[in-house]
Structure formats: C-alpha cells, structure tokens
Amino acid sequence: MSIGYSSKAAAAGSESVEQVTLDSFCQFDVLLPTYLNIDVEGSDLEELIRATVVLLGCRPTIAVSIYHLPEQVYSIPQWLTETLPDYSIFIPHHRDSIYETICYAIPNENIKQGSTI
C-alpha cells in the first residue's frame, strides 16, 4: 500500500518480486557498479549493509534516500562514515518538504579539488 511520498516496504501484500543481492549480482565481475541509487522505501540501510563487499571493492558513488524513516537522517550517514572512511558525505535537499532528502557518498578520489556539489 502506498501512502504517498513517505511510502515504505511492508511485510503484508500479495505482490512478489524476485530479488538478488548486489554482492551476488556482481560476484563474477561482469557488471561492477560505479554509481548506486538506493531508494527502497525504508530498507535503505539494510541494503547498504548487504552490499558492503561491493561498496568496499568497487567504491561507487552512492545516492541513498534518508527520508523514509526519521532515524535514517543520522543512521545512514553515520554507517557510511564508519564503513567507508575514504568517502565524503553530502546531504543536499531537493524539495521544499522533508521528502527527497538524499545522502551522497562520494569516494574522495572522485572529488576534484575546488569542486562543489
């Protein structure tokens, strides 16, 4: 059930979708991510944790939603900072409401001196 902008994953429902972890998808080095956009309706931190091996190995730029649950505003940036110490964290806001707040994690080697986000 969608509740508008603040939708989140729910245990109840009749739709099923086949899922594969990012780690298993990337295990054969066929497609390795350089950019990840994560917006999984409240399960964003869990998805980051499941993708730790890929994040550490491939060092992609990450855009992750932090507005589905109130604690995501601090828990996701904290996890990224602790897990990916050579990344810079940016949290710009893309709307005039609390929705669409995105946390960007960019590998330091991909940030040009003097550039702005």
C-alpha atoms as a PDB file:
ATOM      1  CA  MET A   1       0.000   0.000   0.000  1.00  0.00           C
ATOM      2  CA  SER A   2       1.388   3.371  -0.957  1.00  0.00           C
ATOM      3  CA  ILE A   3       0.955   6.282   1.423  1.00  0.00           C
ATOM      4  CA  GLY A   4       2.296   8.929  -0.925  1.00  0.00           C
ATOM      5  CA  TYR A   5       5.746  10.414  -0.586  1.00  0.00           C
ATOM      6  CA  SER A   6       6.562   8.515   2.592  1.00  0.00           C
ATOM      7  CA  SER A   7       5.971   5.003   1.295  1.00  0.00           C
ATOM      8  CA  LYS A   8       7.924   2.138   2.817  1.00  0.00           C
ATOM      9  CA  ALA A   9       8.283  -1.590   2.423  1.00  0.00           C
ATOM     10  CA  ALA A  10       5.681  -3.640   4.278  1.00  0.00           C
ATOM     11  CA  ALA A  11       5.517  -7.292   5.269  1.00  0.00           C
ATOM     12  CA  ALA A  12       1.913  -7.625   4.088  1.00  0.00           C
ATOM     13  CA  GLY A  13       0.889  -7.714   0.456  1.00  0.00           C
ATOM     14  CA  SER A  14       0.179 -10.004  -2.451  1.00  0.00           C
ATOM     15  CA  GLU A  15       2.884  -8.954  -4.920  1.00  0.00           C
ATOM     16  CA  SER A  16       6.185 -10.787  -5.037  1.00  0.00           C
ATOM     17  CA  VAL A  17       9.360  -9.771  -6.798  1.00  0.00           C
ATOM     18  CA  GLU A  18      12.453 -11.871  -7.344  1.00  0.00           C
ATOM     19  CA  GLN A  19      15.379 -10.317  -5.530  1.00  0.00           C
ATOM     20  CA  VAL A  20      19.098 -10.761  -5.823  1.00  0.00           C
ATOM     21  CA  THR A  21      21.722  -9.149  -3.636  1.00  0.00           C
ATOM     22  CA  LEU A  22      24.149  -6.712  -5.189  1.00  0.00           C
ATOM     23  CA  ASP A  23      27.029  -8.844  -3.913  1.00  0.00           C
ATOM     24  CA  SER A  24      25.742 -11.942  -5.717  1.00  0.00           C
ATOM     25  CA  PHE A  25      24.920  -9.954  -8.868  1.00  0.00           C
ATOM     26  CA  CYS A  26      28.490  -8.613  -9.009  1.00  0.00           C
ATOM     27  CA  GLN A  27      30.281 -11.808  -7.952  1.00  0.00           C
ATOM     28  CA  PHE A  28      31.530 -12.676 -11.446  1.00  0.00           C
ATOM     29  CA  ASP A  29      32.892  -9.172 -12.205  1.00  0.00           C
ATOM     30  CA  VAL A  30      30.689  -8.874 -15.294  1.00  0.00           C
ATOM     31  CA  LEU A  31      28.985  -5.628 -14.278  1.00  0.00           C
ATOM     32  CA  LEU A  32      30.550  -3.617 -11.488  1.00  0.00           C
ATOM     33  CA  PRO A  33      28.746  -0.512 -10.272  1.00  0.00           C
ATOM     34  CA  THR A  34      30.278   2.946 -10.392  1.00  0.00           C
ATOM     35  CA  TYR A  35      27.078   4.664  -9.155  1.00  0.00           C
ATOM     36  CA  LEU A  36      24.365   3.298  -6.877  1.00  0.00           C
ATOM     37  CA  ASN A  37      20.994   4.954  -6.368  1.00  0.00           C
ATOM     38  CA  ILE A  38      19.284   3.356  -3.372  1.00  0.00           C
ATOM     39  CA  ASP A  39      15.672   4.194  -2.567  1.00  0.00           C
ATOM     40  CA  VAL A  40      13.993   1.097  -1.148  1.00  0.00           C
ATOM     41  CA  GLU A  41      11.231   2.625   0.920  1.00  0.00           C
ATOM     42  CA  GLY A  42      12.746   2.401   4.397  1.00  0.00           C
ATOM     43  CA  SER A  43      15.068  -0.577   3.910  1.00  0.00           C
ATOM     44  CA  ASP A  44      17.915   1.573   2.625  1.00  0.00           C
ATOM     45  CA  LEU A  45      20.355   0.913   5.474  1.00  0.00           C
ATOM     46  CA  GLU A  46      19.758  -2.826   5.286  1.00  0.00           C
ATOM     47  CA  GLU A  47      20.505  -2.724   1.561  1.00  0.00           C
ATOM     48  CA  LEU A  48      23.746  -0.822   2.171  1.00  0.00           C
ATOM     49  CA  ILE A  49      24.805  -3.369   4.782  1.00  0.00           C
ATOM     50  CA  ARG A  50      24.070  -6.259   2.405  1.00  0.00           C
ATOM     51  CA  ALA A  51      26.182  -4.526  -0.277  1.00  0.00           C
ATOM     52  CA  THR A  52      29.231  -3.893   1.940  1.00  0.00           C
ATOM     53  CA  VAL A  53      31.552  -6.169  -0.067  1.00  0.00           C
ATOM     54  CA  VAL A  54      30.682  -4.412  -3.337  1.00  0.00           C
ATOM     55  CA  LEU A  55      30.898  -0.957  -1.762  1.00  0.00           C
ATOM     56  CA  LEU A  56      34.374  -1.642  -0.399  1.00  0.00           C
ATOM     57  CA  GLY A  57      35.593  -3.379  -3.557  1.00  0.00           C
ATOM     58  CA  CYS A  58      34.115  -1.182  -6.297  1.00  0.00           C
ATOM     59  CA  ARG A  59      33.974   2.168  -4.459  1.00  0.00           C
ATOM     60  CA  PRO A  60      30.912   3.500  -6.314  1.00  0.00           C
ATOM     61  CA  THR A  61      29.370   6.909  -5.762  1.00  0.00           C
ATOM     62  CA  ILE A  62      26.235   6.334  -3.676  1.00  0.00           C
ATOM     63  CA  ALA A  63      22.965   8.258  -3.586  1.00  0.00           C
ATOM     64  CA  VAL A  64      20.724   6.920  -0.827  1.00  0.00           C
ATOM     65  CA  SER A  65      17.350   8.139   0.427  1.00  0.00           C
ATOM     66  CA  ILE A  66      17.304   9.179   4.077  1.00  0.00           C
ATOM     67  CA  TYR A  67      13.712  10.393   4.470  1.00  0.00           C
ATOM     68  CA  HIS A  68      11.556   7.266   4.749  1.00  0.00           C
ATOM     69  CA  LEU A  69      12.192   6.791   8.481  1.00  0.00           C
ATOM     70  CA  PRO A  70      13.181   9.584  10.908  1.00  0.00           C
ATOM     71  CA  GLU A  71      16.273   7.752  12.191  1.00  0.00           C
ATOM     72  CA  GLN A  72      17.684   7.450   8.654  1.00  0.00           C
ATOM     73  CA  VAL A  73      18.728  11.096   8.735  1.00  0.00           C
ATOM     74  CA  TYR A  74      21.528  10.167  11.126  1.00  0.00           C
ATOM     75  CA  SER A  75      21.866   6.348  10.934  1.00  0.00           C
ATOM     76  CA  ILE A  76      22.691   6.137   7.222  1.00  0.00           C
ATOM     77  CA  PRO A  77      25.302   8.942   7.126  1.00  0.00           C
ATOM     78  CA  GLN A  78      26.839   7.502  10.315  1.00  0.00           C
ATOM     79  CA  TRP A  79      27.041   3.998   8.819  1.00  0.00           C
ATOM     80  CA  LEU A  80      28.550   5.349   5.593  1.00  0.00           C
ATOM     81  CA  THR A  81      31.146   7.368   7.513  1.00  0.00           C
ATOM     82  CA  GLU A  82      32.129   4.420   9.697  1.00  0.00           C
ATOM     83  CA  THR A  83      32.155   1.853   6.878  1.00  0.00           C
ATOM     84  CA  LEU A  84      33.620   3.958   4.058  1.00  0.00           C
ATOM     85  CA  PRO A  85      36.164   6.269   5.732  1.00  0.00           C
ATOM     86  CA  ASP A  86      37.704   7.477   2.447  1.00  0.00           C
ATOM     87  CA  TYR A  87      34.370   8.888   1.245  1.00  0.00           C
ATOM     88  CA  SER A  88      32.934  12.382   1.574  1.00  0.00           C
ATOM     89  CA  ILE A  89      29.299  12.691   2.658  1.00  0.00           C
ATOM     90  CA  PHE A  90      26.936  15.362   1.292  1.00  0.00           C
ATOM     91  CA  ILE A  91      23.266  15.866   2.190  1.00  0.00           C
ATOM     92  CA  PRO A  92      21.610  18.362  -0.147  1.00  0.00           C
ATOM     93  CA  HIS A  93      17.858  18.783  -0.158  1.00  0.00           C
ATOM     94  CA  HIS A  94      15.837  18.502  -3.393  1.00  0.00           C
ATOM     95  CA  ARG A  95      12.345  19.672  -2.392  1.00  0.00           C
ATOM     96  CA  ASP A  96      10.576  22.213  -0.239  1.00  0.00           C
ATOM     97  CA  SER A  97       9.425  19.481   2.165  1.00  0.00           C
ATOM     98  CA  ILE A  98      11.194  16.775   4.167  1.00  0.00           C
ATOM     99  CA  TYR A  99      10.779  14.322   1.306  1.00  0.00           C
ATOM    100  CA  GLU A 100      13.509  13.553  -1.215  1.00  0.00           C
ATOM    101  CA  THR A 101      16.400  14.145   1.163  1.00  0.00           C
ATOM    102  CA  ILE A 102      19.305  12.245  -0.332  1.00  0.00           C
ATOM    103  CA  CYS A 103      22.659  11.390   1.212  1.00  0.00           C
ATOM    104  CA  TYR A 104      25.504  11.253  -1.296  1.00  0.00           C
ATOM    105  CA  ALA A 105      28.689   9.353  -0.514  1.00  0.00           C
ATOM    106  CA  ILE A 106      31.478  10.061  -2.973  1.00  0.00           C
ATOM    107  CA  PRO A 107      34.902   8.413  -2.955  1.00  0.00           C
ATOM    108  CA  ASN A 108      37.476  11.080  -2.150  1.00  0.00           C
ATOM    109  CA  GLU A 109      39.498  10.174  -5.242  1.00  0.00           C
ATOM    110  CA  ASN A 110      36.486  11.178  -7.393  1.00  0.00           C
ATOM    111  CA  ILE A 111      36.169  14.674  -5.961  1.00  0.00           C
ATOM    112  CA  LYS A 112      38.046  17.345  -7.872  1.00  0.00           C
ATOM    113  CA  GLN A 113      39.862  19.975  -5.835  1.00  0.00           C
ATOM    114  CA  GLY A 114      37.718  23.073  -5.546  1.00  0.00           C
ATOM    115  CA  SER A 115      34.545  21.472  -6.905  1.00  0.00           C
ATOM    116  CA  THR A 116      31.152  21.915  -5.286  1.00  0.00           C
ATOM    117  CA  ILE A 117      28.202  19.557  -5.149  1.00  0.00           C
END
